[in-house]
Amino acid sequence: MARAQFSAETAGSGAFVRQPNRFTGRVTPHSTSPEGGGPDDQGRWPLEAGRYRLIWCRACPWAHRARIVRGLLGLDEVISLGTVDPIRDERGWRFSLDQDGFDPVLGIGFLSDAYLATDADYTGRVTVPALVDTLTGQVVTNDYPQLTLDFSTEWRRFHKPGAPDLYPVELRPELDTLMADIHRDVNNGVYRCGFATSQEAYDEAYTALFARLDALSERLAGRRYLMGEQITEADVRLFTTLVRFDVAYHGHFKCNRQKLTEMPVLWAYARDLFQTPGFGETVDFDHIKRHYYATHEMINPSRIVPLGPHLSGWTTPHGRD
């Protein structure tokens, strides 16, 4: 059975080190796999509507971005959705939200079952999001950064009319650099704060996090979205961290220089996105809080879930339109 690691991996310096993604297959229109078969010799899976299932957790920011992109592009009827419980046990992500505790399409009780069906010797952490092939029961990919980019590029034939271009060709050099900065200092930066096991590692992550948030505030003071007047992949990636900031990262991960609500530009920007169709309706603050406070025992041994903060501010006017 794949082990579920609830403690973070840290280097000798006490710095948090994120586990590499194990499965990196890609669904593309160029796959040469036999009809109904698995991947070709380049690890590419055939592009077919209705064949793949996206497994996500409402609490997880990495999975949340896949859910948002799937919806914005109109892939809801093309890629089915399975949801795991925000509370993991010793076996990892569970399908306990479904009837009888089994995913109704894959027929498995734990996401680890799909991981082991793909690699029987796998012993790493089982992560979401995971794109699973419903025909073979195997994991195509848990490579969350590439997954959403592929939704925008490789799945284009299935996009709804008028779907946004979240990864425009002409903006990709700047976008890629910006998203790398956001990932290092913000998306992963909050984890580097929360799971640091030395003061120096924490101080370094904390300083980089708020320096980047300050830079992003300055950037957004003169434009509605990170790349101008259109929502891109970068906005999705930043949003899923910002929406969790006050309910989890500020206290639980010691990211406490300021709350999001005390950073005027970022707070207005986050509310703007939250109130945009495809964003706010995918947010579940209850799942977010229960996951972070009840599964990181090394940080919160009591597993008490805080009642606050008050959430009414998310629907107040943002003034950015």
C-alpha atoms as a PDB file:
ATOM      1  CA  MET A   1       0.000   0.000   0.000  1.00  0.00           C
ATOM      2  CA  ALA A   2       1.340   3.429  -0.870  1.00  0.00           C
ATOM      3  CA  ARG A   3       2.179   5.269   2.293  1.00  0.00           C
ATOM      4  CA  ALA A   4       0.507   8.567   3.055  1.00  0.00           C
ATOM      5  CA  GLN A   5       3.087  10.992   4.413  1.00  0.00           C
ATOM      6  CA  PHE A   6       1.484  13.637   6.580  1.00  0.00           C
ATOM      7  CA  SER A   7       4.779  15.244   7.569  1.00  0.00           C
ATOM      8  CA  ALA A   8       6.684  17.407   5.151  1.00  0.00           C
ATOM      9  CA  GLU A   9       9.963  16.507   3.508  1.00  0.00           C
ATOM     10  CA  THR A  10      12.756  18.817   4.627  1.00  0.00           C
ATOM     11  CA  ALA A  11      16.367  19.203   3.625  1.00  0.00           C
ATOM     12  CA  GLY A  12      19.223  19.223   6.133  1.00  0.00           C
ATOM     13  CA  SER A  13      18.842  23.010   6.411  1.00  0.00           C
ATOM     14  CA  GLY A  14      15.268  22.617   7.644  1.00  0.00           C
ATOM     15  CA  ALA A  15      13.868  23.896   4.342  1.00  0.00           C
ATOM     16  CA  PHE A  16      10.755  22.299   2.870  1.00  0.00           C
ATOM     17  CA  VAL A  17      11.398  20.246  -0.284  1.00  0.00           C
ATOM     18  CA  ARG A  18       8.412  19.339  -2.436  1.00  0.00           C
ATOM     19  CA  GLN A  19       8.239  15.783  -3.787  1.00  0.00           C
ATOM     20  CA  PRO A  20       8.679  15.545  -7.591  1.00  0.00           C
ATOM     21  CA  ASN A  21       5.655  14.477  -9.614  1.00  0.00           C
ATOM     22  CA  ARG A  22       5.829  10.759 -10.344  1.00  0.00           C
ATOM     23  CA  PHE A  23       3.499  10.428 -13.359  1.00  0.00           C
ATOM     24  CA  THR A  24       4.042  12.738 -16.310  1.00  0.00           C
ATOM     25  CA  GLY A  25       2.015  11.259 -19.159  1.00  0.00           C
ATOM     26  CA  ARG A  26       0.230  13.687 -21.457  1.00  0.00           C
ATOM     27  CA  VAL A  27      -3.028  13.488 -23.348  1.00  0.00           C
ATOM     28  CA  THR A  28      -2.393  14.905 -26.818  1.00  0.00           C
ATOM     29  CA  PRO A  29      -4.032  14.817 -30.252  1.00  0.00           C
ATOM     30  CA  HIS A  30      -0.754  13.357 -31.566  1.00  0.00           C
ATOM     31  CA  SER A  31      -0.842  10.070 -29.662  1.00  0.00           C
ATOM     32  CA  THR A  32      -0.305   7.023 -31.823  1.00  0.00           C
ATOM     33  CA  SER A  33      -1.704   4.562 -29.273  1.00  0.00           C
ATOM     34  CA  PRO A  34      -3.993   1.815 -30.563  1.00  0.00           C
ATOM     35  CA  GLU A  35      -7.657   2.691 -30.114  1.00  0.00           C
ATOM     36  CA  GLY A  36      -8.653   1.978 -26.527  1.00  0.00           C
ATOM     37  CA  GLY A  37      -5.068   1.301 -25.537  1.00  0.00           C
ATOM     38  CA  GLY A  38      -2.681   2.953 -23.138  1.00  0.00           C
ATOM     39  CA  PRO A  39       0.063   5.475 -23.854  1.00  0.00           C
ATOM     40  CA  ASP A  40       2.364   5.373 -26.861  1.00  0.00           C
ATOM     41  CA  ASP A  41       6.120   4.977 -26.503  1.00  0.00           C
ATOM     42  CA  GLN A  42       6.438   8.699 -25.768  1.00  0.00           C
ATOM     43  CA  GLY A  43       4.065   8.516 -22.841  1.00  0.00           C
ATOM     44  CA  ARG A  44       1.244  10.208 -24.742  1.00  0.00           C
ATOM     45  CA  TRP A  45      -2.346   9.127 -24.245  1.00  0.00           C
ATOM     46  CA  PRO A  46      -5.067   9.375 -26.919  1.00  0.00           C
ATOM     47  CA  LEU A  47      -7.246  12.484 -26.829  1.00  0.00           C
ATOM     48  CA  GLU A  48     -10.807  11.239 -26.289  1.00  0.00           C
ATOM     49  CA  ALA A  49     -13.811  12.957 -24.764  1.00  0.00           C
ATOM     50  CA  GLY A  50     -15.235  11.106 -21.765  1.00  0.00           C
ATOM     51  CA  ARG A  51     -12.241   8.840 -21.248  1.00  0.00           C
ATOM     52  CA  TYR A  52     -10.376  10.632 -18.464  1.00  0.00           C
ATOM     53  CA  ARG A  53     -11.331  11.532 -14.915  1.00  0.00           C
ATOM     54  CA  LEU A  54      -9.837  14.427 -12.977  1.00  0.00           C
ATOM     55  CA  ILE A  55      -9.470  13.601  -9.293  1.00  0.00           C
ATOM     56  CA  TRP A  56      -9.286  16.658  -7.068  1.00  0.00           C
ATOM     57  CA  CYS A  57      -9.735  17.798  -3.495  1.00  0.00           C
ATOM     58  CA  ARG A  58     -11.591  21.030  -2.779  1.00  0.00           C
ATOM     59  CA  ALA A  59      -8.996  21.871  -0.138  1.00  0.00           C
ATOM     60  CA  CYS A  60      -5.880  21.506  -2.308  1.00  0.00           C
ATOM     61  CA  PRO A  61      -4.649  24.602  -4.194  1.00  0.00           C
ATOM     62  CA  TRP A  62      -2.801  22.537  -6.817  1.00  0.00           C
ATOM     63  CA  ALA A  63      -5.945  20.533  -7.592  1.00  0.00           C
ATOM     64  CA  HIS A  64      -8.159  23.610  -7.350  1.00  0.00           C
ATOM     65  CA  ARG A  65      -6.379  25.267 -10.255  1.00  0.00           C
ATOM     66  CA  ALA A  66      -7.144  22.223 -12.461  1.00  0.00           C
ATOM     67  CA  ARG A  67     -10.819  22.416 -11.509  1.00  0.00           C
ATOM     68  CA  ILE A  68     -10.977  26.121 -12.370  1.00  0.00           C
ATOM     69  CA  VAL A  69      -9.207  25.756 -15.733  1.00  0.00           C
ATOM     70  CA  ARG A  70     -11.382  22.770 -16.666  1.00  0.00           C
ATOM     71  CA  GLY A  71     -14.485  24.874 -16.055  1.00  0.00           C
ATOM     72  CA  LEU A  72     -13.282  28.080 -17.714  1.00  0.00           C
ATOM     73  CA  LEU A  73     -12.456  26.172 -20.911  1.00  0.00           C
ATOM     74  CA  GLY A  74     -15.757  24.274 -20.962  1.00  0.00           C
ATOM     75  CA  LEU A  75     -14.255  20.823 -20.471  1.00  0.00           C
ATOM     76  CA  ASP A  76     -16.801  19.829 -17.812  1.00  0.00           C
ATOM     77  CA  GLU A  77     -18.612  17.385 -20.096  1.00  0.00           C
ATOM     78  CA  VAL A  78     -15.368  16.111 -21.641  1.00  0.00           C
ATOM     79  CA  ILE A  79     -13.355  15.296 -18.509  1.00  0.00           C
ATOM     80  CA  SER A  80     -15.334  13.871 -15.595  1.00  0.00           C
ATOM     81  CA  LEU A  81     -14.646  14.916 -12.017  1.00  0.00           C
ATOM     82  CA  GLY A  82     -14.024  12.859  -8.891  1.00  0.00           C
ATOM     83  CA  THR A  83     -13.678  14.435  -5.446  1.00  0.00           C
ATOM     84  CA  VAL A  84     -11.749  13.069  -2.478  1.00  0.00           C
ATOM     85  CA  ASP A  85     -12.389  13.824   1.176  1.00  0.00           C
ATOM     86  CA  PRO A  86     -10.387  16.729   2.644  1.00  0.00           C
ATOM     87  CA  ILE A  87      -9.431  14.552   5.622  1.00  0.00           C
ATOM     88  CA  ARG A  88      -6.906  11.830   4.832  1.00  0.00           C
ATOM     89  CA  ASP A  89      -6.285   8.755   6.945  1.00  0.00           C
ATOM     90  CA  GLU A  90      -3.138   6.626   7.015  1.00  0.00           C
ATOM     91  CA  ARG A  91      -3.950   5.377   3.509  1.00  0.00           C
ATOM     92  CA  GLY A  92      -4.193   8.830   1.976  1.00  0.00           C
ATOM     93  CA  TRP A  93      -6.888  10.464  -0.137  1.00  0.00           C
ATOM     94  CA  ARG A  94     -10.252   8.727   0.281  1.00  0.00           C
ATOM     95  CA  PHE A  95     -13.443   8.675  -1.789  1.00  0.00           C
ATOM     96  CA  SER A  96     -15.527   8.774   1.373  1.00  0.00           C
ATOM     97  CA  LEU A  97     -17.726  11.560  -0.029  1.00  0.00           C
ATOM     98  CA  ASP A  98     -19.176   9.078  -2.518  1.00  0.00           C
ATOM     99  CA  GLN A  99     -21.812   6.464  -1.778  1.00  0.00           C
ATOM    100  CA  ASP A 100     -20.297   3.455  -0.010  1.00  0.00           C
ATOM    101  CA  GLY A 101     -16.888   5.154  -0.118  1.00  0.00           C
ATOM    102  CA  PHE A 102     -16.039   4.261  -3.721  1.00  0.00           C
ATOM    103  CA  ASP A 103     -15.569   6.513  -6.728  1.00  0.00           C
ATOM    104  CA  PRO A 104     -18.600   5.726  -8.935  1.00  0.00           C
ATOM    105  CA  VAL A 105     -16.578   5.687 -12.169  1.00  0.00           C
ATOM    106  CA  LEU A 106     -13.235   4.188 -11.159  1.00  0.00           C
ATOM    107  CA  GLY A 107     -14.682   1.847  -8.523  1.00  0.00           C
ATOM    108  CA  ILE A 108     -11.833   2.497  -6.081  1.00  0.00           C
ATOM    109  CA  GLY A 109     -11.932   3.588  -2.465  1.00  0.00           C
ATOM    110  CA  PHE A 110      -8.562   5.345  -2.335  1.00  0.00           C
ATOM    111  CA  LEU A 111      -6.640   7.296  -4.923  1.00  0.00           C
ATOM    112  CA  SER A 112      -3.629   5.187  -3.949  1.00  0.00           C
ATOM    113  CA  ASP A 113      -5.362   2.263  -5.670  1.00  0.00           C
ATOM    114  CA  ALA A 114      -4.935   4.021  -9.016  1.00  0.00           C
ATOM    115  CA  TYR A 115      -1.325   4.904  -8.209  1.00  0.00           C
ATOM    116  CA  LEU A 116      -0.516   1.276  -7.428  1.00  0.00           C
ATOM    117  CA  ALA A 117      -2.352   0.090 -10.546  1.00  0.00           C
ATOM    118  CA  THR A 118       0.081   2.269 -12.485  1.00  0.00           C
ATOM    119  CA  ASP A 119       3.214   1.486 -10.488  1.00  0.00           C
ATOM    120  CA  ALA A 120       2.928  -1.454  -8.088  1.00  0.00           C
ATOM    121  CA  ASP A 121       6.173  -0.432  -6.379  1.00  0.00           C
ATOM    122  CA  TYR A 122       5.193   3.183  -5.736  1.00  0.00           C
ATOM    123  CA  THR A 123       5.934   4.279  -2.160  1.00  0.00           C
ATOM    124  CA  GLY A 124       5.769   8.099  -2.405  1.00  0.00           C
ATOM    125  CA  ARG A 125       3.010  10.454  -1.399  1.00  0.00           C
ATOM    126  CA  VAL A 126      -0.259  10.155  -3.294  1.00  0.00           C
ATOM    127  CA  THR A 127      -1.149  13.604  -4.574  1.00  0.00           C
ATOM    128  CA  VAL A 128      -3.961  15.489  -6.240  1.00  0.00           C
ATOM    129  CA  PRO A 129      -4.769  16.499  -8.881  1.00  0.00           C
ATOM    130  CA  ALA A 130      -4.467  13.246 -10.754  1.00  0.00           C
ATOM    131  CA  LEU A 131      -5.804  12.570 -14.237  1.00  0.00           C
ATOM    132  CA  VAL A 132      -6.858   8.911 -14.396  1.00  0.00           C
ATOM    133  CA  ASP A 133      -7.672   6.838 -17.471  1.00  0.00           C
ATOM    134  CA  THR A 134     -11.054   5.239 -16.884  1.00  0.00           C
ATOM    135  CA  LEU A 135     -10.333   2.383 -19.326  1.00  0.00           C
ATOM    136  CA  THR A 136      -7.134   1.116 -17.701  1.00  0.00           C
ATOM    137  CA  GLY A 137      -7.550   2.578 -14.214  1.00  0.00           C
ATOM    138  CA  GLN A 138      -4.045   4.002 -14.464  1.00  0.00           C
ATOM    139  CA  VAL A 139      -2.827   7.477 -13.557  1.00  0.00           C
ATOM    140  CA  VAL A 140      -1.962   9.461 -16.661  1.00  0.00           C
ATOM    141  CA  THR A 141      -0.400  12.357 -14.775  1.00  0.00           C
ATOM    142  CA  ASN A 142      -0.100  14.038 -11.416  1.00  0.00           C
ATOM    143  CA  ASP A 143       2.081  16.743 -12.956  1.00  0.00           C
ATOM    144  CA  TYR A 144      -0.134  19.647 -11.892  1.00  0.00           C
ATOM    145  CA  PRO A 145       1.784  22.493 -13.638  1.00  0.00           C
ATOM    146  CA  GLN A 146       1.708  20.783 -17.034  1.00  0.00           C
ATOM    147  CA  LEU A 147      -1.828  19.434 -16.639  1.00  0.00           C
ATOM    148  CA  THR A 148      -3.550  22.820 -16.778  1.00  0.00           C
ATOM    149  CA  LEU A 149      -1.334  24.031 -19.613  1.00  0.00           C
ATOM    150  CA  ASP A 150      -2.322  20.924 -21.564  1.00  0.00           C
ATOM    151  CA  PHE A 151      -5.994  21.664 -20.915  1.00  0.00           C
ATOM    152  CA  SER A 152      -5.402  24.996 -22.663  1.00  0.00           C
ATOM    153  CA  THR A 153      -3.308  23.702 -25.550  1.00  0.00           C
ATOM    154  CA  GLU A 154      -3.782  19.974 -26.221  1.00  0.00           C
ATOM    155  CA  TRP A 155      -7.542  19.883 -25.485  1.00  0.00           C
ATOM    156  CA  ARG A 156      -8.364  22.882 -27.669  1.00  0.00           C
ATOM    157  CA  ARG A 157     -10.706  20.989 -30.005  1.00  0.00           C
ATOM    158  CA  PHE A 158     -13.059  20.438 -27.052  1.00  0.00           C
ATOM    159  CA  HIS A 159     -13.066  24.013 -25.729  1.00  0.00           C
ATOM    160  CA  LYS A 160     -16.437  25.734 -25.523  1.00  0.00           C
ATOM    161  CA  PRO A 161     -17.128  28.588 -27.951  1.00  0.00           C
ATOM    162  CA  GLY A 162     -15.613  31.784 -26.613  1.00  0.00           C
ATOM    163  CA  ALA A 163     -13.366  30.002 -24.117  1.00  0.00           C
ATOM    164  CA  PRO A 164     -10.579  32.247 -22.825  1.00  0.00           C
ATOM    165  CA  ASP A 165      -7.047  31.770 -24.058  1.00  0.00           C
ATOM    166  CA  LEU A 166      -5.349  31.213 -20.711  1.00  0.00           C
ATOM    167  CA  TYR A 167      -1.924  30.587 -22.211  1.00  0.00           C
ATOM    168  CA  PRO A 168      -1.530  32.924 -25.226  1.00  0.00           C
ATOM    169  CA  VAL A 169       1.428  32.103 -27.438  1.00  0.00           C
ATOM    170  CA  GLU A 170       2.663  35.681 -27.628  1.00  0.00           C
ATOM    171  CA  LEU A 171       2.666  36.036 -23.826  1.00  0.00           C
ATOM    172  CA  ARG A 172       4.257  32.708 -22.931  1.00  0.00           C
ATOM    173  CA  PRO A 173       7.846  33.887 -22.333  1.00  0.00           C
ATOM    174  CA  GLU A 174       6.696  36.522 -19.826  1.00  0.00           C
ATOM    175  CA  LEU A 175       3.981  34.251 -18.439  1.00  0.00           C
ATOM    176  CA  ASP A 176       6.373  31.387 -17.817  1.00  0.00           C
ATOM    177  CA  THR A 177       8.778  33.641 -15.929  1.00  0.00           C
ATOM    178  CA  LEU A 178       5.989  35.201 -13.883  1.00  0.00           C
ATOM    179  CA  MET A 179       4.452  31.840 -12.992  1.00  0.00           C
ATOM    180  CA  ALA A 180       7.845  30.481 -11.961  1.00  0.00           C
ATOM    181  CA  ASP A 181       8.300  33.437  -9.596  1.00  0.00           C
ATOM    182  CA  ILE A 182       4.790  32.998  -8.183  1.00  0.00           C
ATOM    183  CA  HIS A 183       5.308  29.280  -7.702  1.00  0.00           C
ATOM    184  CA  ARG A 184       8.645  29.607  -5.942  1.00  0.00           C
ATOM    185  CA  ASP A 185       7.779  32.490  -3.629  1.00  0.00           C
ATOM    186  CA  VAL A 186       3.993  32.301  -3.193  1.00  0.00           C
ATOM    187  CA  ASN A 187       2.337  29.000  -4.194  1.00  0.00           C
ATOM    188  CA  ASN A 188       5.117  26.899  -2.714  1.00  0.00           C
ATOM    189  CA  GLY A 189       6.397  29.731  -0.558  1.00  0.00           C
ATOM    190  CA  VAL A 190       3.573  29.424   1.960  1.00  0.00           C
ATOM    191  CA  TYR A 191       4.464  25.731   2.367  1.00  0.00           C
ATOM    192  CA  ARG A 192       8.122  26.628   2.764  1.00  0.00           C
ATOM    193  CA  CYS A 193       7.050  28.853   5.656  1.00  0.00           C
ATOM    194  CA  GLY A 194       4.664  26.355   7.215  1.00  0.00           C
ATOM    195  CA  PHE A 195       6.843  23.262   7.016  1.00  0.00           C
ATOM    196  CA  ALA A 196      10.223  24.848   7.749  1.00  0.00           C
ATOM    197  CA  THR A 197      11.991  23.143  10.640  1.00  0.00           C
ATOM    198  CA  SER A 198      14.663  25.764  11.213  1.00  0.00           C
ATOM    199  CA  GLN A 199      14.390  29.472  11.939  1.00  0.00           C
ATOM    200  CA  GLU A 200      16.677  30.336   9.045  1.00  0.00           C
ATOM    201  CA  ALA A 201      14.625  28.369   6.517  1.00  0.00           C
ATOM    202  CA  TYR A 202      11.423  29.957   7.783  1.00  0.00           C
ATOM    203  CA  ASP A 203      12.876  33.478   7.752  1.00  0.00           C
ATOM    204  CA  GLU A 204      14.101  33.050   4.187  1.00  0.00           C
ATOM    205  CA  ALA A 205      10.736  31.734   2.942  1.00  0.00           C
ATOM    206  CA  TYR A 206       8.766  34.398   4.830  1.00  0.00           C
ATOM    207  CA  THR A 207      10.897  37.214   3.441  1.00  0.00           C
ATOM    208  CA  ALA A 208      10.632  35.930  -0.135  1.00  0.00           C
ATOM    209  CA  LEU A 209       6.869  35.418   0.188  1.00  0.00           C
ATOM    210  CA  PHE A 210       6.046  38.937   1.258  1.00  0.00           C
ATOM    211  CA  ALA A 211       8.576  40.517  -1.085  1.00  0.00           C
ATOM    212  CA  ARG A 212       6.823  38.756  -3.953  1.00  0.00           C
ATOM    213  CA  LEU A 213       3.362  39.727  -2.702  1.00  0.00           C
ATOM    214  CA  ASP A 214       4.525  43.339  -2.522  1.00  0.00           C
ATOM    215  CA  ALA A 215       5.823  43.127  -6.104  1.00  0.00           C
ATOM    216  CA  LEU A 216       2.563  41.585  -7.289  1.00  0.00           C
ATOM    217  CA  SER A 217       0.585  44.323  -5.518  1.00  0.00           C
ATOM    218  CA  GLU A 218       2.624  46.930  -7.352  1.00  0.00           C
ATOM    219  CA  ARG A 219       2.091  45.132 -10.661  1.00  0.00           C
ATOM    220  CA  LEU A 220      -1.665  44.841 -10.137  1.00  0.00           C
ATOM    221  CA  ALA A 221      -2.076  48.449  -9.058  1.00  0.00           C
ATOM    222  CA  GLY A 222      -1.939  49.466 -12.713  1.00  0.00           C
ATOM    223  CA  ARG A 223      -3.702  46.562 -14.406  1.00  0.00           C
ATOM    224  CA  ARG A 224      -6.746  44.441 -13.725  1.00  0.00           C
ATOM    225  CA  TYR A 225      -5.087  41.042 -14.180  1.00  0.00           C
ATOM    226  CA  LEU A 226      -1.475  39.932 -14.021  1.00  0.00           C
ATOM    227  CA  MET A 227      -0.975  40.157 -17.782  1.00  0.00           C
ATOM    228  CA  GLY A 228      -3.280  43.094 -18.453  1.00  0.00           C
ATOM    229  CA  GLU A 229      -6.944  42.991 -19.365  1.00  0.00           C
ATOM    230  CA  GLN A 230      -7.380  39.234 -19.785  1.00  0.00           C
ATOM    231  CA  ILE A 231      -7.361  36.384 -17.301  1.00  0.00           C
ATOM    232  CA  THR A 232      -4.505  33.967 -17.855  1.00  0.00           C
ATOM    233  CA  GLU A 233      -3.114  30.831 -16.244  1.00  0.00           C
ATOM    234  CA  ALA A 234      -1.044  33.044 -13.942  1.00  0.00           C
ATOM    235  CA  ASP A 235      -4.184  34.524 -12.383  1.00  0.00           C
ATOM    236  CA  VAL A 236      -5.593  31.071 -11.711  1.00  0.00           C
ATOM    237  CA  ARG A 237      -2.386  29.974 -10.017  1.00  0.00           C
ATOM    238  CA  LEU A 238      -2.158  33.059  -7.816  1.00  0.00           C
ATOM    239  CA  PHE A 239      -5.854  32.978  -6.906  1.00  0.00           C
ATOM    240  CA  THR A 240      -5.795  29.494  -5.407  1.00  0.00           C
ATOM    241  CA  THR A 241      -3.149  30.599  -2.910  1.00  0.00           C
ATOM    242  CA  LEU A 242      -4.729  33.969  -2.139  1.00  0.00           C
ATOM    243  CA  VAL A 243      -8.150  32.457  -1.455  1.00  0.00           C
ATOM    244  CA  ARG A 244      -6.573  30.211   1.211  1.00  0.00           C
ATOM    245  CA  PHE A 245      -4.365  32.885   2.713  1.00  0.00           C
ATOM    246  CA  ASP A 246      -6.444  34.198   5.600  1.00  0.00           C
ATOM    247  CA  VAL A 247      -8.282  30.959   6.389  1.00  0.00           C
ATOM    248  CA  ALA A 248      -5.134  28.820   6.506  1.00  0.00           C
ATOM    249  CA  TYR A 249      -1.748  30.237   5.611  1.00  0.00           C
ATOM    250  CA  HIS A 250      -1.769  33.390   7.761  1.00  0.00           C
ATOM    251  CA  GLY A 251      -2.110  31.487  11.030  1.00  0.00           C
ATOM    252  CA  HIS A 252      -1.479  27.826  10.307  1.00  0.00           C
ATOM    253  CA  PHE A 253       1.637  28.410   8.177  1.00  0.00           C
ATOM    254  CA  LYS A 254       2.861  31.493  10.120  1.00  0.00           C
ATOM    255  CA  CYS A 255       2.547  33.793   7.071  1.00  0.00           C
ATOM    256  CA  ASN A 256       1.483  36.552   9.409  1.00  0.00           C
ATOM    257  CA  ARG A 257       2.991  39.869   8.359  1.00  0.00           C
ATOM    258  CA  GLN A 258      -0.428  40.817   7.024  1.00  0.00           C
ATOM    259  CA  LYS A 259      -3.690  39.167   6.167  1.00  0.00           C
ATOM    260  CA  LEU A 260      -4.882  39.274   2.579  1.00  0.00           C
ATOM    261  CA  THR A 261      -7.638  41.626   3.733  1.00  0.00           C
ATOM    262  CA  GLU A 262      -4.899  44.029   4.894  1.00  0.00           C
ATOM    263  CA  MET A 263      -3.247  44.184   1.455  1.00  0.00           C
ATOM    264  CA  PRO A 264      -5.668  46.459  -0.448  1.00  0.00           C
ATOM    265  CA  VAL A 265      -4.650  45.762  -4.042  1.00  0.00           C
ATOM    266  CA  LEU A 266      -4.361  41.979  -3.679  1.00  0.00           C
ATOM    267  CA  TRP A 267      -7.568  41.811  -1.644  1.00  0.00           C
ATOM    268  CA  ALA A 268      -9.527  43.688  -4.318  1.00  0.00           C
ATOM    269  CA  TYR A 269      -7.913  41.566  -7.061  1.00  0.00           C
ATOM    270  CA  ALA A 270      -8.776  38.321  -5.256  1.00  0.00           C
ATOM    271  CA  ARG A 271     -12.394  39.445  -4.774  1.00  0.00           C
ATOM    272  CA  ASP A 272     -12.584  40.360  -8.463  1.00  0.00           C
ATOM    273  CA  LEU A 273     -11.586  36.825  -9.429  1.00  0.00           C
ATOM    274  CA  PHE A 274     -13.758  35.242  -6.732  1.00  0.00           C
ATOM    275  CA  GLN A 275     -16.783  37.012  -8.198  1.00  0.00           C
ATOM    276  CA  THR A 276     -15.894  35.956 -11.763  1.00  0.00           C
ATOM    277  CA  PRO A 277     -17.892  32.922 -13.009  1.00  0.00           C
ATOM    278  CA  GLY A 278     -15.752  29.801 -12.703  1.00  0.00           C
ATOM    279  CA  PHE A 279     -13.835  30.893  -9.611  1.00  0.00           C
ATOM    280  CA  GLY A 280     -15.869  31.555  -6.468  1.00  0.00           C
ATOM    281  CA  GLU A 281     -18.302  28.679  -6.914  1.00  0.00           C
ATOM    282  CA  THR A 282     -15.378  26.232  -6.827  1.00  0.00           C
ATOM    283  CA  VAL A 283     -14.157  27.447  -3.414  1.00  0.00           C
ATOM    284  CA  ASP A 284     -15.072  25.462  -0.295  1.00  0.00           C
ATOM    285  CA  PHE A 285     -13.748  27.231   2.793  1.00  0.00           C
ATOM    286  CA  ASP A 286     -14.994  24.475   5.097  1.00  0.00           C
ATOM    287  CA  HIS A 287     -12.983  21.811   3.242  1.00  0.00           C
ATOM    288  CA  ILE A 288      -9.944  24.105   3.134  1.00  0.00           C
ATOM    289  CA  LYS A 289      -9.916  24.724   6.874  1.00  0.00           C
ATOM    290  CA  ARG A 290     -10.666  21.128   7.853  1.00  0.00           C
ATOM    291  CA  HIS A 291      -7.898  19.816   5.626  1.00  0.00           C
ATOM    292  CA  TYR A 292      -5.123  22.134   6.748  1.00  0.00           C
ATOM    293  CA  TYR A 293      -5.892  22.180  10.463  1.00  0.00           C
ATOM    294  CA  ALA A 294      -6.870  18.515  10.819  1.00  0.00           C
ATOM    295  CA  THR A 295      -4.219  16.747   8.731  1.00  0.00           C
ATOM    296  CA  HIS A 296      -0.984  18.578   9.602  1.00  0.00           C
ATOM    297  CA  GLU A 297      -0.561  17.134  13.065  1.00  0.00           C
ATOM    298  CA  MET A 298       3.059  18.239  13.289  1.00  0.00           C
ATOM    299  CA  ILE A 299       1.869  21.871  13.036  1.00  0.00           C
ATOM    300  CA  ASN A 300      -1.501  21.612  14.790  1.00  0.00           C
ATOM    301  CA  PRO A 301      -1.389  18.628  17.199  1.00  0.00           C
ATOM    302  CA  SER A 302      -4.816  19.428  18.675  1.00  0.00           C
ATOM    303  CA  ARG A 303      -6.424  19.372  15.209  1.00  0.00           C
ATOM    304  CA  ILE A 304      -8.789  22.113  16.343  1.00  0.00           C
ATOM    305  CA  VAL A 305     -10.294  23.878  13.329  1.00  0.00           C
ATOM    306  CA  PRO A 306     -10.770  27.644  13.826  1.00  0.00           C
ATOM    307  CA  LEU A 307     -14.227  29.114  13.384  1.00  0.00           C
ATOM    308  CA  GLY A 308     -13.037  32.297  11.664  1.00  0.00           C
ATOM    309  CA  PRO A 309     -12.361  34.370   9.765  1.00  0.00           C
ATOM    310  CA  HIS A 310     -15.633  35.937   8.637  1.00  0.00           C
ATOM    311  CA  LEU A 311     -16.114  35.329   4.920  1.00  0.00           C
ATOM    312  CA  SER A 312     -18.693  37.938   3.944  1.00  0.00           C
ATOM    313  CA  GLY A 313     -16.035  40.256   2.524  1.00  0.00           C
ATOM    314  CA  TRP A 314     -15.518  38.023  -0.500  1.00  0.00           C
ATOM    315  CA  THR A 315     -18.781  39.211  -2.055  1.00  0.00           C
ATOM    316  CA  THR A 316     -18.292  42.946  -1.437  1.00  0.00           C
ATOM    317  CA  PRO A 317     -17.636  45.257  -4.427  1.00  0.00           C
ATOM    318  CA  HIS A 318     -14.036  45.107  -5.611  1.00  0.00           C
ATOM    319  CA  GLY A 319     -13.922  48.254  -7.741  1.00  0.00           C
ATOM    320  CA  ARG A 320     -11.534  46.835 -10.319  1.00  0.00           C
ATOM    321  CA  ASP A 321     -13.849  46.712 -13.323  1.00  0.00           C
END
